[in-house]
Amino acid sequence: MPCTCGNWRRWIRPLVVLLYILLLLVVLPLCIWELQKSGVSTPNKAWFIAGIFVFMTIPISLWGILQHLVHYTQPELQKPIIRILWMVPIYSLDSWIALKYPNIAIYVGNM
């Protein structure tokens, strides 16, 4: 049986979609259950709502990056685009961590 690793353009998109769906079906309910189990304060609610937006933005931006990598036909144009698209997940995770841990926000923000 031939190895399909060389033909990664065919299986990478369904794999990414499947992993995202599993994440939404497993991690999100666990987080909601954890919030319901404990007494939820306002900062925790804000952190949870921000986390929902982080988990919405990361797959969308990673999908755009993946599309550029799959259809990598103009490297000189697509390299800067991919770099710019990486700003979205990095900044969203940075902001989300800073919201939960304000003490280290100055260190996380300067990465």
Protein backbone atom coordinates (compact mmCIF):
# COMPACT_ATOMS: atom_id res chain seq x y z
CA MET A 1 0.00 0.00 0.00
CA PRO A 2 1.56 3.34 -1.01
CA CYS A 3 2.12 6.02 1.59
CA THR A 4 -0.34 8.89 1.30
CA CYS A 5 1.83 11.32 3.25
CA GLY A 6 3.12 12.78 0.00
CA ASN A 7 -0.44 13.60 -1.00
CA TRP A 8 -1.12 15.69 2.09
CA ARG A 9 -3.16 18.27 0.19
CA ARG A 10 -6.05 15.83 -0.05
CA TRP A 11 -6.28 14.78 3.61
CA ILE A 12 -5.15 17.89 5.53
CA ARG A 13 -8.39 19.86 5.15
CA PRO A 14 -10.72 17.08 6.35
CA LEU A 15 -8.32 16.38 9.22
CA VAL A 16 -8.36 20.01 10.34
CA VAL A 17 -12.15 20.19 10.15
CA LEU A 18 -12.48 16.93 12.08
CA LEU A 19 -10.11 18.10 14.82
CA TYR A 20 -11.99 21.39 15.15
CA ILE A 21 -15.35 19.63 15.43
CA LEU A 22 -13.95 17.26 18.06
CA LEU A 23 -12.57 20.22 19.97
CA LEU A 24 -15.95 21.94 19.93
CA LEU A 25 -17.81 18.79 20.90
CA VAL A 26 -15.47 17.79 23.73
CA VAL A 27 -13.65 20.81 25.15
CA LEU A 28 -16.45 23.36 25.01
CA PRO A 29 -18.97 21.22 26.93
CA LEU A 30 -16.29 20.41 29.52
CA CYS A 31 -15.63 24.12 30.01
CA ILE A 32 -19.33 24.89 30.34
CA TRP A 33 -19.77 22.06 32.81
CA GLU A 34 -16.83 23.34 34.84
CA LEU A 35 -18.33 26.84 34.92
CA GLN A 36 -21.71 25.55 36.03
CA LYS A 37 -20.13 23.38 38.72
CA SER A 38 -18.22 26.22 40.34
CA GLY A 39 -19.44 29.63 41.39
CA VAL A 40 -18.79 31.84 38.40
CA SER A 41 -17.55 35.36 38.99
CA THR A 42 -17.63 38.19 36.48
CA PRO A 43 -13.93 37.93 35.51
CA ASN A 44 -14.36 34.22 34.89
CA LYS A 45 -17.39 34.89 32.72
CA ALA A 46 -15.41 37.44 30.72
CA TRP A 47 -12.56 34.98 30.35
CA PHE A 48 -14.93 32.26 29.17
CA ILE A 49 -16.63 34.55 26.63
CA ALA A 50 -13.23 35.65 25.35
CA GLY A 51 -12.26 31.99 25.10
CA ILE A 52 -15.25 31.31 22.87
CA PHE A 53 -14.08 34.05 20.51
CA VAL A 54 -10.52 32.73 20.62
CA PHE A 55 -11.76 29.27 19.64
CA MET A 56 -13.76 30.84 16.83
CA THR A 57 -10.94 32.98 15.42
CA ILE A 58 -8.11 30.46 15.57
CA PRO A 59 -9.67 27.87 13.22
CA ILE A 60 -10.78 30.53 10.77
CA SER A 61 -7.32 32.06 10.55
CA LEU A 62 -5.64 28.64 10.48
CA TRP A 63 -7.97 27.67 7.64
CA GLY A 64 -6.83 30.74 5.69
CA ILE A 65 -3.19 29.86 6.36
CA LEU A 66 -3.82 26.28 5.34
CA GLN A 67 -5.48 27.38 2.10
CA HIS A 68 -2.45 29.48 1.23
CA LEU A 69 -0.15 26.54 1.97
CA VAL A 70 -2.23 24.09 -0.05
CA HIS A 71 -2.40 26.48 -3.01
CA TYR A 72 1.16 27.73 -2.68
CA THR A 73 1.64 29.00 -6.23
CA GLN A 74 3.06 32.50 -5.63
CA PRO A 75 5.58 32.19 -2.78
CA GLU A 76 6.77 35.80 -2.86
CA LEU A 77 3.22 37.06 -2.41
CA GLN A 78 1.93 34.33 -0.10
CA LYS A 79 4.78 34.37 2.45
CA PRO A 80 3.87 37.85 3.76
CA ILE A 81 0.17 36.99 3.69
CA ILE A 82 0.76 33.88 5.79
CA ARG A 83 2.83 35.92 8.24
CA ILE A 84 0.05 38.47 8.57
CA LEU A 85 -2.55 35.75 9.04
CA TRP A 86 -0.49 34.31 11.93
CA MET A 87 -1.06 37.57 13.82
CA VAL A 88 -4.71 36.67 14.51
CA PRO A 89 -4.19 33.46 16.53
CA ILE A 90 -1.11 34.84 18.28
CA TYR A 91 -2.83 38.06 19.35
CA SER A 92 -6.06 36.33 20.36
CA LEU A 93 -4.24 33.81 22.57
CA ASP A 94 -2.08 36.57 23.99
CA SER A 95 -5.12 38.66 24.92
CA TRP A 96 -6.95 35.68 26.34
CA ILE A 97 -4.03 34.73 28.59
CA ALA A 98 -3.59 38.35 29.67
CA LEU A 99 -7.27 38.54 30.61
CA LYS A 100 -6.97 35.50 32.88
CA TYR A 101 -3.57 36.39 34.36
CA PRO A 102 -3.23 40.19 34.50
CA ASN A 103 0.01 39.88 36.51
CA ILE A 104 1.87 38.43 33.54
CA ALA A 105 0.10 40.47 30.88
CA ILE A 106 3.13 42.73 30.40
CA TYR A 107 5.36 39.72 29.71
CA VAL A 108 2.95 37.91 27.43
CA GLY A 109 2.17 41.09 25.49
CA ASN A 110 5.81 41.67 24.62
CA MET A 111 6.37 38.35 22.91
